Amino acid sequence: MKKLSLFAILLVTLVAPGCSWFKHSQTVKPAKPASAAPKTIVTPDMSLAAKVISVNTVGRFVVLSFPAEQMPKLQQTLFLYRMGMKVAEVKVTGPQQENNIVADLVTGDPKVGDTVRAE
């Protein structure tokens, strides 16, 4: 009987710690970063924009300089702005040479350096 109780005590001492005999590695998942702000959407400005490089008041026309590959269509109406104020209206008539095109003056008083926009 003494052997049986000694065996029972030994068995209880081995089984009692249970899982502590085996080393378990805890897997900690990294926390997802909180999205502070929504993603920014960037869209390029593809509207027509140019500058007046020459004004002929006698012939009532202007020469407009556009960025590469952004030329207006013939007979298109454009507006000239100076310091944010609309100062003239022109109609594209041509001829075109490289990035420059001629436009007839419809109304207003254009000056060299005015900004040209389609709206």
N, C-alpha and C. Protein backbone atom coordinates (compact mmCIF):
# COMPACT_ATOMS: atom_id res chain seq x y z
N MET A 1 0.81 -1.17 0.00
CA MET A 1 0.00 0.00 0.00
C MET A 1 0.86 1.25 0.00
N LYS A 2 1.99 1.16 0.68
CA LYS A 2 2.88 2.27 0.74
C LYS A 2 3.40 2.59 -0.66
N LYS A 3 3.65 1.58 -1.48
CA LYS A 3 4.13 1.80 -2.83
C LYS A 3 3.04 2.46 -3.68
N LEU A 4 1.81 2.04 -3.44
CA LEU A 4 0.70 2.60 -4.23
C LEU A 4 0.50 4.07 -3.89
N SER A 5 0.55 4.43 -2.63
CA SER A 5 0.37 5.84 -2.27
C SER A 5 1.56 6.67 -2.75
N LEU A 6 2.76 6.09 -2.70
CA LEU A 6 3.93 6.80 -3.20
C LEU A 6 3.80 7.01 -4.72
N PHE A 7 3.30 6.00 -5.42
CA PHE A 7 3.08 6.11 -6.86
C PHE A 7 2.00 7.15 -7.16
N ALA A 8 0.94 7.21 -6.38
CA ALA A 8 -0.15 8.17 -6.57
C ALA A 8 0.35 9.59 -6.35
N ILE A 9 1.16 9.80 -5.31
CA ILE A 9 1.70 11.14 -5.04
C ILE A 9 2.62 11.57 -6.18
N LEU A 10 3.46 10.65 -6.64
CA LEU A 10 4.35 10.96 -7.75
C LEU A 10 3.56 11.29 -9.01
N LEU A 11 2.51 10.55 -9.26
CA LEU A 11 1.67 10.80 -10.44
C LEU A 11 0.98 12.16 -10.34
N VAL A 12 0.47 12.50 -9.18
CA VAL A 12 -0.21 13.79 -8.98
C VAL A 12 0.80 14.93 -9.17
N THR A 13 2.01 14.77 -8.64
CA THR A 13 3.02 15.82 -8.80
C THR A 13 3.42 16.01 -10.26
N LEU A 14 3.42 14.98 -11.03
CA LEU A 14 3.78 15.11 -12.44
C LEU A 14 2.64 15.67 -13.27
N VAL A 15 1.42 15.31 -12.94
CA VAL A 15 0.26 15.72 -13.75
C VAL A 15 -0.23 17.10 -13.34
N ALA A 16 -0.10 17.49 -12.10
CA ALA A 16 -0.65 18.74 -11.58
C ALA A 16 -0.14 19.97 -12.34
N PRO A 17 1.16 20.09 -12.61
CA PRO A 17 1.59 21.28 -13.34
C PRO A 17 1.04 21.31 -14.77
N GLY A 18 0.65 20.18 -15.29
CA GLY A 18 -0.01 20.10 -16.60
C GLY A 18 0.82 20.70 -17.71
N CYS A 19 0.27 21.76 -18.30
CA CYS A 19 0.87 22.35 -19.50
C CYS A 19 2.12 23.15 -19.21
N SER A 20 2.41 23.42 -17.97
CA SER A 20 3.59 24.23 -17.69
C SER A 20 4.87 23.48 -18.01
N TRP A 21 4.80 22.16 -18.19
CA TRP A 21 5.98 21.40 -18.58
C TRP A 21 6.36 21.68 -20.03
N PHE A 22 5.38 22.04 -20.81
CA PHE A 22 5.62 22.31 -22.23
C PHE A 22 5.62 23.82 -22.45
N LYS A 23 6.60 24.27 -23.15
CA LYS A 23 6.72 25.71 -23.40
C LYS A 23 5.87 26.06 -24.62
N HIS A 24 4.88 26.92 -24.42
CA HIS A 24 4.02 27.38 -25.52
C HIS A 24 4.47 28.77 -25.92
N SER A 25 4.65 28.94 -27.20
CA SER A 25 4.98 30.29 -27.67
C SER A 25 3.69 30.98 -28.04
N GLN A 26 3.53 32.16 -27.49
CA GLN A 26 2.33 32.93 -27.80
C GLN A 26 2.60 33.74 -29.06
N THR A 27 1.71 33.62 -30.01
CA THR A 27 1.83 34.38 -31.24
C THR A 27 1.01 35.65 -31.08
N VAL A 28 1.71 36.76 -31.13
CA VAL A 28 1.05 38.05 -31.00
C VAL A 28 0.97 38.67 -32.39
N LYS A 29 -0.25 38.93 -32.82
CA LYS A 29 -0.44 39.55 -34.13
C LYS A 29 -0.26 41.06 -33.97
N PRO A 30 0.46 41.66 -34.91
CA PRO A 30 0.64 43.11 -34.82
C PRO A 30 -0.70 43.81 -35.05
N ALA A 31 -0.89 44.86 -34.32
CA ALA A 31 -2.14 45.62 -34.45
C ALA A 31 -2.17 46.34 -35.79
N LYS A 32 -3.33 46.38 -36.39
CA LYS A 32 -3.48 47.10 -37.65
C LYS A 32 -3.43 48.60 -37.37
N PRO A 33 -2.68 49.33 -38.17
CA PRO A 33 -2.62 50.77 -37.93
C PRO A 33 -3.98 51.40 -38.20
N ALA A 34 -4.36 52.29 -37.33
CA ALA A 34 -5.63 52.98 -37.50
C ALA A 34 -5.51 53.97 -38.65
N SER A 35 -6.46 53.92 -39.53
CA SER A 35 -6.42 54.85 -40.66
C SER A 35 -6.85 56.22 -40.16
N ALA A 36 -5.90 57.13 -40.12
CA ALA A 36 -6.15 58.46 -39.58
C ALA A 36 -7.00 59.30 -40.54
N ALA A 37 -6.72 59.17 -41.82
CA ALA A 37 -7.45 59.98 -42.79
C ALA A 37 -7.74 59.13 -44.02
N PRO A 38 -8.82 59.44 -44.71
CA PRO A 38 -9.11 58.69 -45.94
C PRO A 38 -8.03 58.96 -46.98
N LYS A 39 -7.88 58.01 -47.90
CA LYS A 39 -6.87 58.17 -48.94
C LYS A 39 -7.22 59.34 -49.84
N THR A 40 -6.20 60.09 -50.21
CA THR A 40 -6.39 61.25 -51.06
C THR A 40 -6.47 60.81 -52.51
N ILE A 41 -7.43 61.38 -53.21
CA ILE A 41 -7.59 61.10 -54.64
C ILE A 41 -7.07 62.30 -55.41
N VAL A 42 -6.12 62.05 -56.27
CA VAL A 42 -5.52 63.13 -57.06
C VAL A 42 -5.95 62.97 -58.51
N THR A 43 -6.52 64.02 -59.05
CA THR A 43 -6.91 64.00 -60.46
C THR A 43 -6.21 65.15 -61.17
N PRO A 44 -5.61 64.88 -62.31
CA PRO A 44 -4.93 65.95 -63.02
C PRO A 44 -5.91 66.94 -63.64
N ASP A 45 -5.50 68.17 -63.71
CA ASP A 45 -6.31 69.21 -64.34
C ASP A 45 -6.04 69.19 -65.83
N MET A 46 -6.99 68.70 -66.59
CA MET A 46 -6.81 68.56 -68.03
C MET A 46 -7.49 69.69 -68.81
N SER A 47 -7.92 70.74 -68.10
CA SER A 47 -8.58 71.84 -68.80
C SER A 47 -7.55 72.65 -69.58
N LEU A 48 -8.03 73.32 -70.61
CA LEU A 48 -7.15 74.14 -71.43
C LEU A 48 -6.69 75.35 -70.63
N ALA A 49 -5.41 75.64 -70.70
CA ALA A 49 -4.85 76.82 -70.04
C ALA A 49 -3.68 77.30 -70.89
N ALA A 50 -3.63 78.61 -71.11
CA ALA A 50 -2.57 79.16 -71.96
C ALA A 50 -2.28 80.59 -71.52
N LYS A 51 -1.35 81.21 -72.23
CA LYS A 51 -0.99 82.61 -71.98
C LYS A 51 -1.06 83.37 -73.30
N VAL A 52 -1.40 84.65 -73.19
CA VAL A 52 -1.37 85.53 -74.35
C VAL A 52 0.07 85.98 -74.52
N ILE A 53 0.65 85.73 -75.71
CA ILE A 53 2.05 86.13 -75.94
C ILE A 53 2.17 87.32 -76.89
N SER A 54 1.06 87.63 -77.59
CA SER A 54 1.10 88.77 -78.50
C SER A 54 -0.32 89.28 -78.71
N VAL A 55 -0.45 90.62 -78.79
CA VAL A 55 -1.76 91.24 -79.01
C VAL A 55 -1.63 92.20 -80.19
N ASN A 56 -2.54 92.10 -81.16
CA ASN A 56 -2.60 93.03 -82.29
C ASN A 56 -3.96 93.72 -82.22
N THR A 57 -3.97 94.96 -81.70
CA THR A 57 -5.23 95.68 -81.53
C THR A 57 -5.81 96.15 -82.86
N VAL A 58 -4.95 96.45 -83.83
CA VAL A 58 -5.44 96.90 -85.13
C VAL A 58 -6.13 95.75 -85.85
N GLY A 59 -5.50 94.59 -85.90
CA GLY A 59 -6.08 93.43 -86.56
C GLY A 59 -7.09 92.68 -85.69
N ARG A 60 -7.21 93.06 -84.41
CA ARG A 60 -8.12 92.46 -83.42
C ARG A 60 -7.92 90.94 -83.31
N PHE A 61 -6.64 90.56 -83.09
CA PHE A 61 -6.35 89.16 -82.82
C PHE A 61 -5.25 89.05 -81.78
N VAL A 62 -5.14 87.87 -81.19
CA VAL A 62 -4.10 87.58 -80.20
C VAL A 62 -3.42 86.28 -80.58
N VAL A 63 -2.18 86.12 -80.13
CA VAL A 63 -1.48 84.85 -80.31
C VAL A 63 -1.41 84.20 -78.93
N LEU A 64 -1.87 82.95 -78.86
CA LEU A 64 -1.93 82.22 -77.60
C LEU A 64 -0.89 81.11 -77.60
N SER A 65 -0.25 80.92 -76.46
CA SER A 65 0.76 79.86 -76.31
C SER A 65 0.23 78.81 -75.34
N PHE A 66 0.07 77.59 -75.85
CA PHE A 66 -0.45 76.48 -75.06
C PHE A 66 0.66 75.51 -74.68
N PRO A 67 0.46 74.73 -73.61
CA PRO A 67 1.42 73.66 -73.30
C PRO A 67 1.40 72.61 -74.41
N ALA A 68 2.44 71.80 -74.47
CA ALA A 68 2.53 70.76 -75.51
C ALA A 68 1.34 69.83 -75.45
N GLU A 69 0.82 69.48 -76.61
CA GLU A 69 -0.28 68.52 -76.78
C GLU A 69 -1.55 68.93 -76.06
N GLN A 70 -1.82 70.22 -75.95
CA GLN A 70 -3.06 70.66 -75.32
C GLN A 70 -3.64 71.83 -76.11
N MET A 71 -3.77 71.64 -77.38
CA MET A 71 -4.25 72.71 -78.26
C MET A 71 -5.77 72.73 -78.31
N PRO A 72 -6.36 73.93 -78.46
CA PRO A 72 -7.82 74.02 -78.58
C PRO A 72 -8.26 73.66 -79.99
N LYS A 73 -9.56 73.44 -80.13
CA LYS A 73 -10.12 73.16 -81.45
C LYS A 73 -10.38 74.48 -82.18
N LEU A 74 -10.39 74.42 -83.51
CA LEU A 74 -10.73 75.61 -84.28
C LEU A 74 -12.17 76.01 -84.00
N GLN A 75 -12.43 77.31 -83.99
CA GLN A 75 -13.73 77.92 -83.72
C GLN A 75 -14.16 77.78 -82.25
N GLN A 76 -13.25 77.35 -81.37
CA GLN A 76 -13.58 77.23 -79.95
C GLN A 76 -13.48 78.62 -79.30
N THR A 77 -14.44 78.94 -78.45
CA THR A 77 -14.44 80.20 -77.73
C THR A 77 -13.67 80.04 -76.43
N LEU A 78 -12.76 80.98 -76.18
CA LEU A 78 -11.95 80.97 -74.96
C LEU A 78 -12.07 82.32 -74.27
N PHE A 79 -11.77 82.34 -72.98
CA PHE A 79 -11.87 83.57 -72.20
C PHE A 79 -10.50 83.94 -71.64
N LEU A 80 -10.22 85.24 -71.61
CA LEU A 80 -8.95 85.76 -71.10
C LEU A 80 -9.19 86.35 -69.72
N TYR A 81 -8.30 86.01 -68.80
CA TYR A 81 -8.41 86.48 -67.42
C TYR A 81 -7.14 87.21 -67.02
N ARG A 82 -7.34 88.28 -66.23
CA ARG A 82 -6.22 89.03 -65.66
C ARG A 82 -6.51 89.21 -64.18
N MET A 83 -5.62 88.68 -63.34
CA MET A 83 -5.78 88.72 -61.88
C MET A 83 -7.15 88.16 -61.45
N GLY A 84 -7.57 87.08 -62.11
CA GLY A 84 -8.81 86.41 -61.74
C GLY A 84 -10.07 87.02 -62.33
N MET A 85 -9.96 88.15 -63.02
CA MET A 85 -11.12 88.81 -63.61
C MET A 85 -11.16 88.55 -65.11
N LYS A 86 -12.36 88.24 -65.62
CA LYS A 86 -12.51 88.01 -67.06
C LYS A 86 -12.39 89.36 -67.78
N VAL A 87 -11.45 89.45 -68.74
CA VAL A 87 -11.21 90.73 -69.42
C VAL A 87 -11.49 90.67 -70.92
N ALA A 88 -11.59 89.47 -71.49
CA ALA A 88 -11.82 89.40 -72.94
C ALA A 88 -12.34 88.02 -73.32
N GLU A 89 -12.87 87.97 -74.54
CA GLU A 89 -13.35 86.71 -75.13
C GLU A 89 -12.74 86.61 -76.52
N VAL A 90 -12.22 85.42 -76.86
CA VAL A 90 -11.61 85.21 -78.17
C VAL A 90 -12.15 83.94 -78.80
N LYS A 91 -12.04 83.85 -80.13
CA LYS A 91 -12.44 82.66 -80.86
C LYS A 91 -11.23 82.17 -81.65
N VAL A 92 -10.86 80.91 -81.44
CA VAL A 92 -9.69 80.33 -82.08
C VAL A 92 -9.96 80.18 -83.58
N THR A 93 -9.06 80.77 -84.40
CA THR A 93 -9.24 80.71 -85.85
C THR A 93 -8.04 80.11 -86.56
N GLY A 94 -6.87 80.15 -85.94
CA GLY A 94 -5.68 79.65 -86.61
C GLY A 94 -5.04 80.76 -87.39
N PRO A 95 -3.92 80.59 -87.95
CA PRO A 95 -3.15 79.36 -88.09
C PRO A 95 -2.44 78.98 -86.78
N GLN A 96 -1.94 77.74 -86.81
CA GLN A 96 -1.22 77.20 -85.66
C GLN A 96 0.23 76.93 -86.06
N GLN A 97 1.15 77.27 -85.17
CA GLN A 97 2.56 76.97 -85.39
C GLN A 97 3.12 76.47 -84.06
N GLU A 98 3.45 75.17 -84.02
CA GLU A 98 3.93 74.48 -82.83
C GLU A 98 2.91 74.65 -81.69
N ASN A 99 3.29 75.31 -80.59
CA ASN A 99 2.38 75.46 -79.45
C ASN A 99 1.60 76.76 -79.49
N ASN A 100 1.76 77.54 -80.54
CA ASN A 100 1.09 78.84 -80.65
C ASN A 100 -0.03 78.78 -81.66
N ILE A 101 -1.11 79.52 -81.36
CA ILE A 101 -2.24 79.57 -82.27
C ILE A 101 -2.86 80.97 -82.21
N VAL A 102 -3.45 81.40 -83.31
CA VAL A 102 -4.06 82.73 -83.40
C VAL A 102 -5.55 82.61 -83.07
N ALA A 103 -6.04 83.64 -82.34
CA ALA A 103 -7.47 83.71 -82.00
C ALA A 103 -7.95 85.12 -82.25
N ASP A 104 -9.14 85.25 -82.85
CA ASP A 104 -9.73 86.57 -83.10
C ASP A 104 -10.37 87.11 -81.83
N LEU A 105 -10.23 88.39 -81.61
CA LEU A 105 -10.80 89.06 -80.44
C LEU A 105 -12.29 89.29 -80.67
N VAL A 106 -13.13 88.79 -79.79
CA VAL A 106 -14.58 88.98 -79.89
C VAL A 106 -14.97 90.20 -79.07
N THR A 107 -14.59 90.22 -77.80
CA THR A 107 -14.86 91.37 -76.93
C THR A 107 -13.72 91.52 -75.93
N GLY A 108 -13.61 92.72 -75.36
CA GLY A 108 -12.67 92.93 -74.27
C GLY A 108 -11.39 93.60 -74.68
N ASP A 109 -10.48 93.70 -73.68
CA ASP A 109 -9.20 94.39 -73.84
C ASP A 109 -8.07 93.47 -73.38
N PRO A 110 -7.54 92.64 -74.29
CA PRO A 110 -6.48 91.72 -73.88
C PRO A 110 -5.13 92.41 -73.76
N LYS A 111 -4.26 91.82 -72.91
CA LYS A 111 -2.89 92.28 -72.78
C LYS A 111 -1.98 91.07 -72.74
N VAL A 112 -0.71 91.27 -73.10
CA VAL A 112 0.27 90.19 -73.04
C VAL A 112 0.38 89.70 -71.60
N GLY A 113 0.34 88.37 -71.42
CA GLY A 113 0.44 87.79 -70.08
C GLY A 113 -0.89 87.36 -69.51
N ASP A 114 -1.99 87.73 -70.16
CA ASP A 114 -3.30 87.29 -69.68
C ASP A 114 -3.39 85.78 -69.72
N THR A 115 -4.15 85.21 -68.81
CA THR A 115 -4.36 83.77 -68.77
C THR A 115 -5.57 83.41 -69.61
N VAL A 116 -5.44 82.32 -70.36
CA VAL A 116 -6.52 81.87 -71.25
C VAL A 116 -7.09 80.57 -70.69
N ARG A 117 -8.43 80.53 -70.57
CA ARG A 117 -9.13 79.32 -70.12
C ARG A 117 -10.36 79.11 -70.97
N ALA A 118 -10.83 77.89 -70.98
CA ALA A 118 -12.01 77.55 -71.78
C ALA A 118 -13.31 77.92 -71.10
N GLU A 119 -13.28 78.27 -69.85
CA GLU A 119 -14.53 78.59 -69.14
C GLU A 119 -14.46 79.90 -68.44
